[in-house]
Amino acid sequence: MSRYQDAGLFVVLAVAWGAGFSAIEVGLETIPPILFAGFRFDIGAVVTVGALAALGRLDLPQTRADWAAIAVAAAFLVFGNVFFLFFGQLYTSGSVASVVYSLNPVLTVGFAALLLSGDGLAPRDAAGIVLGLIGVVLIARPSPTAATEPPAGAPDVLDGAFATLGPDGLGAALVFCAVIAVAAGSVLLRRVDAPMASLPTTGWAMGLGAIMLHAASLGLGEPIVVPSGTWTWVAVGYVGVVASSVGYGAYFTLMRRRGPFTANLVSYAVPPVAAVTGWALLDEALPPAAVAGFGCILAGFLVLNRKVVSEELRRLRA
């Protein structure tokens, strides 16, 4: 039964995070990016901690490992992830951002080799990671028809990079930084191996991450605004409740039960969901270079996991 439960969590996570890319785009039209990210985890933390408290399942951190797990999750999976993701989506579409995000399992293998096994990367594993990076380069290549003005709310410090890379290039580079944060954080969290259950860890990490995001928003001088308009409230509510409380709960549970690599495989299911919702709600389409980049990233994944894939294929034939 656990395999079917994990499959259900996987589907829930793919839909929650895939549609979340479109919701982020809607919210960024009127809310500064890091403030918006802070709102996301304000809601996610309140919903998660409140629900666990009502059910009598809200554990408090008791050990040093519990505190370390909360700190790692807050710093890498919450703050580092959405700081770069929300800034990245100022410059590029959710569909393109989701394709760059699919590099997650490839980098997770690399960080696992460095932080968990200690054996380093084999030559074929390094080749797989290079293929994934080539995929990101295809997506991030400078566009000859790039916009000449940065989007509203973009920080001045990125103007030089915007002029060099263009909107999709800079957006892809920023989302790539978010992928690094998630891949490293998920492996570090596995290394900590805290005794506290995954859902309370999720709730406390979102709360601490929200504090970090609001501090960063104030430090960057973002204006403090209140969401206005029906669709903005829908976007904030969706990323707070569905993408954060539900999505992160499913992600942390999968990671505890199946490990960071299996949990991050959801990155390959997210782009189709993001593409469909972006097309249906925002009239977006994936550029050919993004499709080619996704192909390279998927090829890198297959090279890295050739043994696991061949074993699964043999099992299915049998």
C-alpha atoms as a PDB file:
ATOM      1  CA  MET A   1       0.000   0.000   0.000  1.00  0.00           C
ATOM      2  CA  SER A   2       2.871   2.402   0.735  1.00  0.00           C
ATOM      3  CA  ARG A   3       3.948   2.344  -2.921  1.00  0.00           C
ATOM      4  CA  TYR A   4       0.454   3.478  -4.008  1.00  0.00           C
ATOM      5  CA  GLN A   5       0.410   6.131  -1.281  1.00  0.00           C
ATOM      6  CA  ASP A   6       3.757   7.442  -2.482  1.00  0.00           C
ATOM      7  CA  ALA A   7       2.487   7.477  -6.068  1.00  0.00           C
ATOM      8  CA  GLY A   8      -0.505   9.530  -4.912  1.00  0.00           C
ATOM      9  CA  LEU A   9       1.779  11.970  -3.097  1.00  0.00           C
ATOM     10  CA  PHE A  10       3.884  12.237  -6.244  1.00  0.00           C
ATOM     11  CA  VAL A  11       0.842  13.177  -8.376  1.00  0.00           C
ATOM     12  CA  VAL A  12      -0.405  15.690  -5.783  1.00  0.00           C
ATOM     13  CA  LEU A  13       3.035  17.292  -5.634  1.00  0.00           C
ATOM     14  CA  ALA A  14       3.391  17.497  -9.429  1.00  0.00           C
ATOM     15  CA  VAL A  15       0.018  19.234  -9.806  1.00  0.00           C
ATOM     16  CA  ALA A  16       0.530  21.528  -6.787  1.00  0.00           C
ATOM     17  CA  TRP A  17       3.936  22.744  -7.902  1.00  0.00           C
ATOM     18  CA  GLY A  18       3.261  22.672 -11.658  1.00  0.00           C
ATOM     19  CA  ALA A  19       0.244  24.978 -11.452  1.00  0.00           C
ATOM     20  CA  GLY A  20       2.112  27.058  -8.882  1.00  0.00           C
ATOM     21  CA  PHE A  21       4.403  28.484 -11.597  1.00  0.00           C
ATOM     22  CA  SER A  22       1.390  30.153 -13.242  1.00  0.00           C
ATOM     23  CA  ALA A  23       0.099  31.393  -9.880  1.00  0.00           C
ATOM     24  CA  ILE A  24       3.501  32.988  -9.185  1.00  0.00           C
ATOM     25  CA  GLU A  25       3.337  34.838 -12.507  1.00  0.00           C
ATOM     26  CA  VAL A  26      -0.096  36.253 -11.654  1.00  0.00           C
ATOM     27  CA  GLY A  27       0.978  37.422  -8.193  1.00  0.00           C
ATOM     28  CA  LEU A  28       4.199  39.030  -9.450  1.00  0.00           C
ATOM     29  CA  GLU A  29       2.173  41.447 -11.568  1.00  0.00           C
ATOM     30  CA  THR A  30       1.287  43.457  -8.445  1.00  0.00           C
ATOM     31  CA  ILE A  31       3.438  42.178  -5.525  1.00  0.00           C
ATOM     32  CA  PRO A  32       7.247  42.545  -5.157  1.00  0.00           C
ATOM     33  CA  PRO A  33       8.879  39.113  -5.534  1.00  0.00           C
ATOM     34  CA  ILE A  34      10.412  38.503  -2.095  1.00  0.00           C
ATOM     35  CA  LEU A  35       7.426  39.988  -0.273  1.00  0.00           C
ATOM     36  CA  PHE A  36       5.204  37.669  -2.321  1.00  0.00           C
ATOM     37  CA  ALA A  37       7.420  34.722  -1.344  1.00  0.00           C
ATOM     38  CA  GLY A  38       7.095  35.777   2.302  1.00  0.00           C
ATOM     39  CA  PHE A  39       3.292  35.872   2.006  1.00  0.00           C
ATOM     40  CA  ARG A  40       3.426  32.384   0.493  1.00  0.00           C
ATOM     41  CA  PHE A  41       5.103  30.872   3.514  1.00  0.00           C
ATOM     42  CA  ASP A  42       3.204  32.967   6.053  1.00  0.00           C
ATOM     43  CA  ILE A  43       0.090  31.192   4.840  1.00  0.00           C
ATOM     44  CA  GLY A  44       1.800  27.832   4.407  1.00  0.00           C
ATOM     45  CA  ALA A  45       3.238  27.872   7.934  1.00  0.00           C
ATOM     46  CA  VAL A  46      -0.026  28.960   9.582  1.00  0.00           C
ATOM     47  CA  VAL A  47      -2.065  26.325   7.732  1.00  0.00           C
ATOM     48  CA  THR A  48       0.428  23.505   8.357  1.00  0.00           C
ATOM     49  CA  VAL A  49       1.182  24.274  12.018  1.00  0.00           C
ATOM     50  CA  GLY A  50      -2.475  25.021  12.756  1.00  0.00           C
ATOM     51  CA  ALA A  51      -3.724  21.807  11.165  1.00  0.00           C
ATOM     52  CA  LEU A  52      -1.117  19.684  12.973  1.00  0.00           C
ATOM     53  CA  ALA A  53      -1.921  21.379  16.300  1.00  0.00           C
ATOM     54  CA  ALA A  54      -5.646  20.745  15.804  1.00  0.00           C
ATOM     55  CA  LEU A  55      -4.938  17.069  15.071  1.00  0.00           C
ATOM     56  CA  GLY A  56      -2.592  16.737  18.041  1.00  0.00           C
ATOM     57  CA  ARG A  57       0.357  15.906  15.783  1.00  0.00           C
ATOM     58  CA  LEU A  58       2.449  19.058  16.169  1.00  0.00           C
ATOM     59  CA  ASP A  59       5.825  17.890  17.482  1.00  0.00           C
ATOM     60  CA  LEU A  60       8.245  20.386  18.984  1.00  0.00           C
ATOM     61  CA  PRO A  61      11.952  20.139  18.153  1.00  0.00           C
ATOM     62  CA  GLN A  62      13.681  18.198  20.904  1.00  0.00           C
ATOM     63  CA  THR A  63      17.149  17.363  19.659  1.00  0.00           C
ATOM     64  CA  ARG A  64      19.990  19.178  17.970  1.00  0.00           C
ATOM     65  CA  ALA A  65      19.231  17.181  14.809  1.00  0.00           C
ATOM     66  CA  ASP A  66      15.624  18.459  14.852  1.00  0.00           C
ATOM     67  CA  TRP A  67      16.819  22.059  15.019  1.00  0.00           C
ATOM     68  CA  ALA A  68      19.405  21.399  12.317  1.00  0.00           C
ATOM     69  CA  ALA A  69      16.764  19.892  10.012  1.00  0.00           C
ATOM     70  CA  ILE A  70      14.490  22.927  10.470  1.00  0.00           C
ATOM     71  CA  ALA A  71      17.388  25.320   9.815  1.00  0.00           C
ATOM     72  CA  VAL A  72      18.551  23.452   6.691  1.00  0.00           C
ATOM     73  CA  ALA A  73      15.027  23.191   5.280  1.00  0.00           C
ATOM     74  CA  ALA A  74      14.302  26.871   6.005  1.00  0.00           C
ATOM     75  CA  ALA A  75      17.585  28.142   4.563  1.00  0.00           C
ATOM     76  CA  PHE A  76      17.805  25.985   1.437  1.00  0.00           C
ATOM     77  CA  LEU A  77      14.365  24.544   0.566  1.00  0.00           C
ATOM     78  CA  VAL A  78      12.343  27.615   1.558  1.00  0.00           C
ATOM     79  CA  PHE A  79      14.473  30.771   1.500  1.00  0.00           C
ATOM     80  CA  GLY A  80      17.157  29.938  -1.081  1.00  0.00           C
ATOM     81  CA  ASN A  81      14.664  28.175  -3.313  1.00  0.00           C
ATOM     82  CA  VAL A  82      11.946  30.806  -3.582  1.00  0.00           C
ATOM     83  CA  PHE A  83      14.276  33.823  -3.336  1.00  0.00           C
ATOM     84  CA  PHE A  84      15.831  32.903  -6.683  1.00  0.00           C
ATOM     85  CA  LEU A  85      12.690  31.306  -8.146  1.00  0.00           C
ATOM     86  CA  PHE A  86      10.481  34.365  -7.633  1.00  0.00           C
ATOM     87  CA  PHE A  87      13.147  36.733  -8.928  1.00  0.00           C
ATOM     88  CA  GLY A  88      13.678  34.391 -11.901  1.00  0.00           C
ATOM     89  CA  GLN A  89      10.014  34.437 -12.797  1.00  0.00           C
ATOM     90  CA  LEU A  90      10.117  38.216 -13.051  1.00  0.00           C
ATOM     91  CA  TYR A  91      12.119  37.709 -16.243  1.00  0.00           C
ATOM     92  CA  THR A  92      10.786  34.499 -17.785  1.00  0.00           C
ATOM     93  CA  SER A  93       7.589  32.486 -18.015  1.00  0.00           C
ATOM     94  CA  GLY A  94       6.527  29.797 -15.586  1.00  0.00           C
ATOM     95  CA  SER A  95       6.773  27.202 -18.344  1.00  0.00           C
ATOM     96  CA  VAL A  96      10.449  27.983 -18.993  1.00  0.00           C
ATOM     97  CA  ALA A  97      11.192  28.196 -15.265  1.00  0.00           C
ATOM     98  CA  SER A  98       9.662  24.750 -14.706  1.00  0.00           C
ATOM     99  CA  VAL A  99      11.922  23.228 -17.382  1.00  0.00           C
ATOM    100  CA  VAL A 100      15.040  24.651 -15.703  1.00  0.00           C
ATOM    101  CA  TYR A 101      13.663  23.301 -12.420  1.00  0.00           C
ATOM    102  CA  SER A 102      13.665  19.805 -13.917  1.00  0.00           C
ATOM    103  CA  LEU A 103      17.458  19.813 -13.508  1.00  0.00           C
ATOM    104  CA  ASN A 104      16.825  19.137  -9.812  1.00  0.00           C
ATOM    105  CA  PRO A 105      17.275  15.319  -9.833  1.00  0.00           C
ATOM    106  CA  VAL A 106      20.477  15.632 -11.876  1.00  0.00           C
ATOM    107  CA  LEU A 107      22.103  18.014  -9.386  1.00  0.00           C
ATOM    108  CA  THR A 108      20.749  15.989  -6.460  1.00  0.00           C
ATOM    109  CA  VAL A 109      22.803  13.006  -7.632  1.00  0.00           C
ATOM    110  CA  GLY A 110      25.906  15.192  -7.790  1.00  0.00           C
ATOM    111  CA  PHE A 111      25.407  16.602  -4.289  1.00  0.00           C
ATOM    112  CA  ALA A 112      24.613  13.132  -2.941  1.00  0.00           C
ATOM    113  CA  ALA A 113      27.904  11.825  -4.334  1.00  0.00           C
ATOM    114  CA  LEU A 114      29.782  14.662  -2.658  1.00  0.00           C
ATOM    115  CA  LEU A 115      27.915  14.904   0.662  1.00  0.00           C
ATOM    116  CA  LEU A 116      26.578  11.406   1.346  1.00  0.00           C
ATOM    117  CA  SER A 117      28.782   8.786  -0.266  1.00  0.00           C
ATOM    118  CA  GLY A 118      32.033  10.743  -0.216  1.00  0.00           C
ATOM    119  CA  ASP A 119      33.248   8.785  -3.263  1.00  0.00           C
ATOM    120  CA  GLY A 120      32.937  11.640  -5.744  1.00  0.00           C
ATOM    121  CA  LEU A 121      31.498  11.435  -9.247  1.00  0.00           C
ATOM    122  CA  ALA A 122      32.269   8.654 -11.693  1.00  0.00           C
ATOM    123  CA  PRO A 123      33.106   9.819 -15.268  1.00  0.00           C
ATOM    124  CA  ARG A 124      29.682   8.784 -16.614  1.00  0.00           C
ATOM    125  CA  ASP A 125      27.936  10.573 -13.739  1.00  0.00           C
ATOM    126  CA  ALA A 126      29.902  13.717 -14.542  1.00  0.00           C
ATOM    127  CA  ALA A 127      28.840  13.343 -18.197  1.00  0.00           C
ATOM    128  CA  GLY A 128      25.203  13.144 -17.113  1.00  0.00           C
ATOM    129  CA  ILE A 129      25.505  16.350 -15.108  1.00  0.00           C
ATOM    130  CA  VAL A 130      27.191  18.076 -18.056  1.00  0.00           C
ATOM    131  CA  LEU A 131      24.267  17.060 -20.288  1.00  0.00           C
ATOM    132  CA  GLY A 132      21.874  18.606 -17.797  1.00  0.00           C
ATOM    133  CA  LEU A 133      23.882  21.823 -17.702  1.00  0.00           C
ATOM    134  CA  ILE A 134      23.900  21.953 -21.509  1.00  0.00           C
ATOM    135  CA  GLY A 135      20.108  21.807 -21.312  1.00  0.00           C
ATOM    136  CA  VAL A 136      20.064  24.881 -19.081  1.00  0.00           C
ATOM    137  CA  VAL A 137      22.470  26.693 -21.443  1.00  0.00           C
ATOM    138  CA  LEU A 138      20.097  25.999 -24.359  1.00  0.00           C
ATOM    139  CA  ILE A 139      17.275  27.596 -22.403  1.00  0.00           C
ATOM    140  CA  ALA A 140      19.341  30.490 -21.068  1.00  0.00           C
ATOM    141  CA  ARG A 141      21.061  31.523 -24.292  1.00  0.00           C
ATOM    142  CA  PRO A 142      20.860  35.283 -25.002  1.00  0.00           C
ATOM    143  CA  SER A 143      17.896  36.183 -27.194  1.00  0.00           C
ATOM    144  CA  PRO A 144      18.425  38.482 -30.212  1.00  0.00           C
ATOM    145  CA  THR A 145      14.913  39.820 -29.700  1.00  0.00           C
ATOM    146  CA  ALA A 146      15.250  40.355 -25.947  1.00  0.00           C
ATOM    147  CA  ALA A 147      13.277  43.125 -24.271  1.00  0.00           C
ATOM    148  CA  THR A 148      15.237  46.342 -23.776  1.00  0.00           C
ATOM    149  CA  GLU A 149      13.763  47.285 -20.400  1.00  0.00           C
ATOM    150  CA  PRO A 150      13.790  45.148 -17.216  1.00  0.00           C
ATOM    151  CA  PRO A 151      10.339  44.263 -15.827  1.00  0.00           C
ATOM    152  CA  ALA A 152       8.745  46.326 -13.078  1.00  0.00           C
ATOM    153  CA  GLY A 153      10.017  45.350  -9.644  1.00  0.00           C
ATOM    154  CA  ALA A 154      13.368  44.058 -10.963  1.00  0.00           C
ATOM    155  CA  PRO A 155      16.379  45.089  -8.822  1.00  0.00           C
ATOM    156  CA  ASP A 156      18.856  47.523 -10.385  1.00  0.00           C
ATOM    157  CA  VAL A 157      21.791  45.260  -9.485  1.00  0.00           C
ATOM    158  CA  LEU A 158      20.653  42.794 -12.178  1.00  0.00           C
ATOM    159  CA  ASP A 159      20.423  45.350 -15.003  1.00  0.00           C
ATOM    160  CA  GLY A 160      23.855  44.429 -16.388  1.00  0.00           C
ATOM    161  CA  ALA A 161      23.024  40.718 -16.461  1.00  0.00           C
ATOM    162  CA  PHE A 162      19.675  41.542 -18.079  1.00  0.00           C
ATOM    163  CA  ALA A 163      21.377  43.472 -20.868  1.00  0.00           C
ATOM    164  CA  THR A 164      23.782  40.580 -21.501  1.00  0.00           C
ATOM    165  CA  LEU A 165      21.509  37.548 -21.193  1.00  0.00           C
ATOM    166  CA  GLY A 166      18.079  38.916 -22.050  1.00  0.00           C
ATOM    167  CA  PRO A 167      14.927  38.077 -20.079  1.00  0.00           C
ATOM    168  CA  ASP A 168      14.805  34.291 -20.592  1.00  0.00           C
ATOM    169  CA  GLY A 169      18.555  33.948 -20.060  1.00  0.00           C
ATOM    170  CA  LEU A 170      18.611  35.863 -16.786  1.00  0.00           C
ATOM    171  CA  GLY A 171      15.395  34.204 -15.617  1.00  0.00           C
ATOM    172  CA  ALA A 172      16.820  30.741 -16.328  1.00  0.00           C
ATOM    173  CA  ALA A 173      20.081  31.596 -14.528  1.00  0.00           C
ATOM    174  CA  LEU A 174      18.210  32.727 -11.407  1.00  0.00           C
ATOM    175  CA  VAL A 175      15.960  29.648 -11.407  1.00  0.00           C
ATOM    176  CA  PHE A 176      19.111  27.523 -11.795  1.00  0.00           C
ATOM    177  CA  CYS A 177      20.330  29.035  -8.497  1.00  0.00           C
ATOM    178  CA  ALA A 178      17.028  27.941  -6.935  1.00  0.00           C
ATOM    179  CA  VAL A 179      17.637  24.400  -8.226  1.00  0.00           C
ATOM    180  CA  ILE A 180      21.092  24.369  -6.614  1.00  0.00           C
ATOM    181  CA  ALA A 181      19.533  25.390  -3.291  1.00  0.00           C
ATOM    182  CA  VAL A 182      16.874  22.661  -3.453  1.00  0.00           C
ATOM    183  CA  ALA A 183      19.265  19.907  -4.536  1.00  0.00           C
ATOM    184  CA  ALA A 184      21.853  20.761  -1.876  1.00  0.00           C
ATOM    185  CA  GLY A 185      19.226  21.265   0.830  1.00  0.00           C
ATOM    186  CA  SER A 186      17.439  17.979   0.178  1.00  0.00           C
ATOM    187  CA  VAL A 187      20.705  16.031   0.409  1.00  0.00           C
ATOM    188  CA  LEU A 188      21.819  17.898   3.551  1.00  0.00           C
ATOM    189  CA  LEU A 189      18.428  17.204   5.120  1.00  0.00           C
ATOM    190  CA  ARG A 190      18.891  13.507   4.414  1.00  0.00           C
ATOM    191  CA  ARG A 191      22.331  13.682   6.004  1.00  0.00           C
ATOM    192  CA  VAL A 192      20.933  15.297   9.182  1.00  0.00           C
ATOM    193  CA  ASP A 193      18.329  12.492   9.517  1.00  0.00           C
ATOM    194  CA  ALA A 194      16.372  14.161  12.340  1.00  0.00           C
ATOM    195  CA  PRO A 195      13.981  12.039  14.456  1.00  0.00           C
ATOM    196  CA  MET A 196      11.125  14.580  14.239  1.00  0.00           C
ATOM    197  CA  ALA A 197       8.338  13.687  11.781  1.00  0.00           C
ATOM    198  CA  SER A 198       8.387  15.251   8.323  1.00  0.00           C
ATOM    199  CA  LEU A 199       5.177  17.320   8.566  1.00  0.00           C
ATOM    200  CA  PRO A 200       6.108  19.227  11.755  1.00  0.00           C
ATOM    201  CA  THR A 201       9.549  19.814  10.243  1.00  0.00           C
ATOM    202  CA  THR A 202       7.767  21.253   7.204  1.00  0.00           C
ATOM    203  CA  GLY A 203       5.623  23.614   9.270  1.00  0.00           C
ATOM    204  CA  TRP A 204       8.443  24.974  11.434  1.00  0.00           C
ATOM    205  CA  ALA A 205      10.768  25.327   8.435  1.00  0.00           C
ATOM    206  CA  MET A 206       8.153  27.329   6.516  1.00  0.00           C
ATOM    207  CA  GLY A 207       7.673  29.624   9.510  1.00  0.00           C
ATOM    208  CA  LEU A 208      11.410  30.259   9.890  1.00  0.00           C
ATOM    209  CA  GLY A 209      11.783  30.642   6.105  1.00  0.00           C
ATOM    210  CA  ALA A 210       8.972  33.220   6.047  1.00  0.00           C
ATOM    211  CA  ILE A 211      10.791  35.318   8.674  1.00  0.00           C
ATOM    212  CA  MET A 212      13.984  35.151   6.590  1.00  0.00           C
ATOM    213  CA  LEU A 213      12.111  36.201   3.437  1.00  0.00           C
ATOM    214  CA  HIS A 214      10.427  39.186   5.095  1.00  0.00           C
ATOM    215  CA  ALA A 215      13.793  40.293   6.485  1.00  0.00           C
ATOM    216  CA  ALA A 216      15.294  40.043   2.988  1.00  0.00           C
ATOM    217  CA  SER A 217      12.355  41.964   1.515  1.00  0.00           C
ATOM    218  CA  LEU A 218      12.890  44.806   3.972  1.00  0.00           C
ATOM    219  CA  GLY A 219      16.643  44.716   3.354  1.00  0.00           C
ATOM    220  CA  LEU A 220      16.088  45.029  -0.398  1.00  0.00           C
ATOM    221  CA  GLY A 221      13.803  48.017   0.141  1.00  0.00           C
ATOM    222  CA  GLU A 222      10.728  46.417  -1.407  1.00  0.00           C
ATOM    223  CA  PRO A 223       7.533  48.401  -0.838  1.00  0.00           C
ATOM    224  CA  ILE A 224       5.081  46.819   1.597  1.00  0.00           C
ATOM    225  CA  VAL A 225       1.849  46.236  -0.299  1.00  0.00           C
ATOM    226  CA  VAL A 226      -1.327  44.297   0.439  1.00  0.00           C
ATOM    227  CA  PRO A 227      -2.599  41.932  -2.273  1.00  0.00           C
ATOM    228  CA  SER A 228      -5.455  43.502  -4.211  1.00  0.00           C
ATOM    229  CA  GLY A 229      -7.774  42.092  -6.838  1.00  0.00           C
ATOM    230  CA  THR A 230      -9.506  38.725  -6.989  1.00  0.00           C
ATOM    231  CA  TRP A 231      -6.901  36.912  -9.074  1.00  0.00           C
ATOM    232  CA  THR A 232      -4.019  38.202  -6.959  1.00  0.00           C
ATOM    233  CA  TRP A 233      -5.691  36.828  -3.832  1.00  0.00           C
ATOM    234  CA  VAL A 234      -6.319  33.539  -5.643  1.00  0.00           C
ATOM    235  CA  ALA A 235      -2.640  33.371  -6.607  1.00  0.00           C
ATOM    236  CA  VAL A 236      -1.446  34.144  -3.069  1.00  0.00           C
ATOM    237  CA  GLY A 237      -3.892  31.646  -1.595  1.00  0.00           C
ATOM    238  CA  TYR A 238      -2.895  28.944  -4.069  1.00  0.00           C
ATOM    239  CA  VAL A 239       0.862  29.231  -3.524  1.00  0.00           C
ATOM    240  CA  GLY A 240       0.326  29.497   0.242  1.00  0.00           C
ATOM    241  CA  VAL A 241      -2.093  26.622   0.798  1.00  0.00           C
ATOM    242  CA  VAL A 242      -1.704  24.253  -2.160  1.00  0.00           C
ATOM    243  CA  ALA A 243       1.867  24.793  -3.387  1.00  0.00           C
ATOM    244  CA  SER A 244       3.339  25.316   0.099  1.00  0.00           C
ATOM    245  CA  SER A 245       1.315  23.612   2.830  1.00  0.00           C
ATOM    246  CA  VAL A 246       0.110  20.674   0.719  1.00  0.00           C
ATOM    247  CA  GLY A 247       3.046  20.566  -1.705  1.00  0.00           C
ATOM    248  CA  TYR A 248       5.863  20.861   0.822  1.00  0.00           C
ATOM    249  CA  GLY A 249       4.103  18.388   3.126  1.00  0.00           C
ATOM    250  CA  ALA A 250       4.011  15.846   0.302  1.00  0.00           C
ATOM    251  CA  TYR A 251       7.618  16.630  -0.669  1.00  0.00           C
ATOM    252  CA  PHE A 252       9.045  16.251   2.842  1.00  0.00           C
ATOM    253  CA  THR A 253       7.071  13.039   3.354  1.00  0.00           C
ATOM    254  CA  LEU A 254       8.354  11.555   0.080  1.00  0.00           C
ATOM    255  CA  MET A 255      11.892  12.612   0.914  1.00  0.00           C
ATOM    256  CA  ARG A 256      11.724  10.979   4.359  1.00  0.00           C
ATOM    257  CA  ARG A 257      10.266   7.748   2.939  1.00  0.00           C
ATOM    258  CA  ARG A 258      12.032   7.477  -0.419  1.00  0.00           C
ATOM    259  CA  GLY A 259      15.072   9.746  -0.206  1.00  0.00           C
ATOM    260  CA  PRO A 260      15.966  13.054  -1.916  1.00  0.00           C
ATOM    261  CA  PHE A 261      16.580  11.542  -5.343  1.00  0.00           C
ATOM    262  CA  THR A 262      13.147   9.895  -5.656  1.00  0.00           C
ATOM    263  CA  ALA A 263      11.367  12.938  -4.208  1.00  0.00           C
ATOM    264  CA  ASN A 264      13.077  15.244  -6.696  1.00  0.00           C
ATOM    265  CA  LEU A 265      11.950  13.097  -9.634  1.00  0.00           C
ATOM    266  CA  VAL A 266       8.754  15.144  -9.433  1.00  0.00           C
ATOM    267  CA  SER A 267      10.737  17.801 -11.306  1.00  0.00           C
ATOM    268  CA  TYR A 268      10.110  15.820 -14.516  1.00  0.00           C
ATOM    269  CA  ALA A 269       6.348  15.789 -13.982  1.00  0.00           C
ATOM    270  CA  VAL A 270       6.145  19.507 -13.147  1.00  0.00           C
ATOM    271  CA  PRO A 271       6.970  20.998 -16.618  1.00  0.00           C
ATOM    272  CA  PRO A 272       4.014  19.327 -18.420  1.00  0.00           C
ATOM    273  CA  VAL A 273       1.642  20.567 -15.719  1.00  0.00           C
ATOM    274  CA  ALA A 274       3.181  24.050 -15.834  1.00  0.00           C
ATOM    275  CA  ALA A 275       2.981  24.092 -19.650  1.00  0.00           C
ATOM    276  CA  VAL A 276      -0.700  23.107 -19.652  1.00  0.00           C
ATOM    277  CA  THR A 277      -1.708  25.608 -16.974  1.00  0.00           C
ATOM    278  CA  GLY A 278       0.413  28.349 -18.578  1.00  0.00           C
ATOM    279  CA  TRP A 279      -1.259  27.699 -21.936  1.00  0.00           C
ATOM    280  CA  ALA A 280      -4.781  27.465 -20.485  1.00  0.00           C
ATOM    281  CA  LEU A 281      -4.582  30.415 -18.080  1.00  0.00           C
ATOM    282  CA  LEU A 282      -1.914  32.749 -19.492  1.00  0.00           C
ATOM    283  CA  ASP A 283      -1.784  31.861 -23.208  1.00  0.00           C
ATOM    284  CA  GLU A 284       1.876  30.793 -22.966  1.00  0.00           C
ATOM    285  CA  ALA A 285       3.832  28.392 -25.138  1.00  0.00           C
ATOM    286  CA  LEU A 286       7.205  26.731 -24.573  1.00  0.00           C
ATOM    287  CA  PRO A 287       9.891  27.980 -27.000  1.00  0.00           C
ATOM    288  CA  PRO A 288      11.642  25.227 -29.033  1.00  0.00           C
ATOM    289  CA  ALA A 289      14.937  25.836 -27.198  1.00  0.00           C
ATOM    290  CA  ALA A 290      13.232  25.069 -23.873  1.00  0.00           C
ATOM    291  CA  VAL A 291      11.904  21.775 -25.262  1.00  0.00           C
ATOM    292  CA  ALA A 292      15.409  20.895 -26.516  1.00  0.00           C
ATOM    293  CA  GLY A 293      16.859  21.864 -23.144  1.00  0.00           C
ATOM    294  CA  PHE A 294      14.398  19.603 -21.357  1.00  0.00           C
ATOM    295  CA  GLY A 295      15.491  16.767 -23.661  1.00  0.00           C
ATOM    296  CA  CYS A 296      19.147  17.292 -22.662  1.00  0.00           C
ATOM    297  CA  ILE A 297      18.242  17.409 -18.969  1.00  0.00           C
ATOM    298  CA  LEU A 298      16.241  14.188 -19.301  1.00  0.00           C
ATOM    299  CA  ALA A 299      19.149  12.557 -21.182  1.00  0.00           C
ATOM    300  CA  GLY A 300      21.495  13.570 -18.370  1.00  0.00           C
ATOM    301  CA  PHE A 301      19.134  11.983 -15.860  1.00  0.00           C
ATOM    302  CA  LEU A 302      19.058   8.718 -17.845  1.00  0.00           C
ATOM    303  CA  VAL A 303      22.870   8.632 -18.021  1.00  0.00           C
ATOM    304  CA  LEU A 304      23.154   9.212 -14.278  1.00  0.00           C
ATOM    305  CA  ASN A 305      20.606   6.532 -13.447  1.00  0.00           C
ATOM    306  CA  ARG A 306      21.211   4.000 -16.189  1.00  0.00           C
ATOM    307  CA  LYS A 307      21.412   1.050 -13.761  1.00  0.00           C
ATOM    308  CA  VAL A 308      18.192   1.902 -11.933  1.00  0.00           C
ATOM    309  CA  VAL A 309      16.348   2.537 -15.201  1.00  0.00           C
ATOM    310  CA  SER A 310      17.519  -0.761 -16.761  1.00  0.00           C
ATOM    311  CA  GLU A 311      16.534  -2.689 -13.639  1.00  0.00           C
ATOM    312  CA  GLU A 312      13.061  -1.121 -13.649  1.00  0.00           C
ATOM    313  CA  LEU A 313      12.621  -1.917 -17.343  1.00  0.00           C
ATOM    314  CA  ARG A 314      13.590  -5.556 -16.711  1.00  0.00           C
ATOM    315  CA  ARG A 315      11.142  -5.732 -13.822  1.00  0.00           C
ATOM    316  CA  LEU A 316       8.318  -4.326 -15.953  1.00  0.00           C
ATOM    317  CA  ARG A 317       9.024  -6.811 -18.769  1.00  0.00           C
ATOM    318  CA  ALA A 318       8.949  -9.666 -16.268  1.00  0.00           C
END
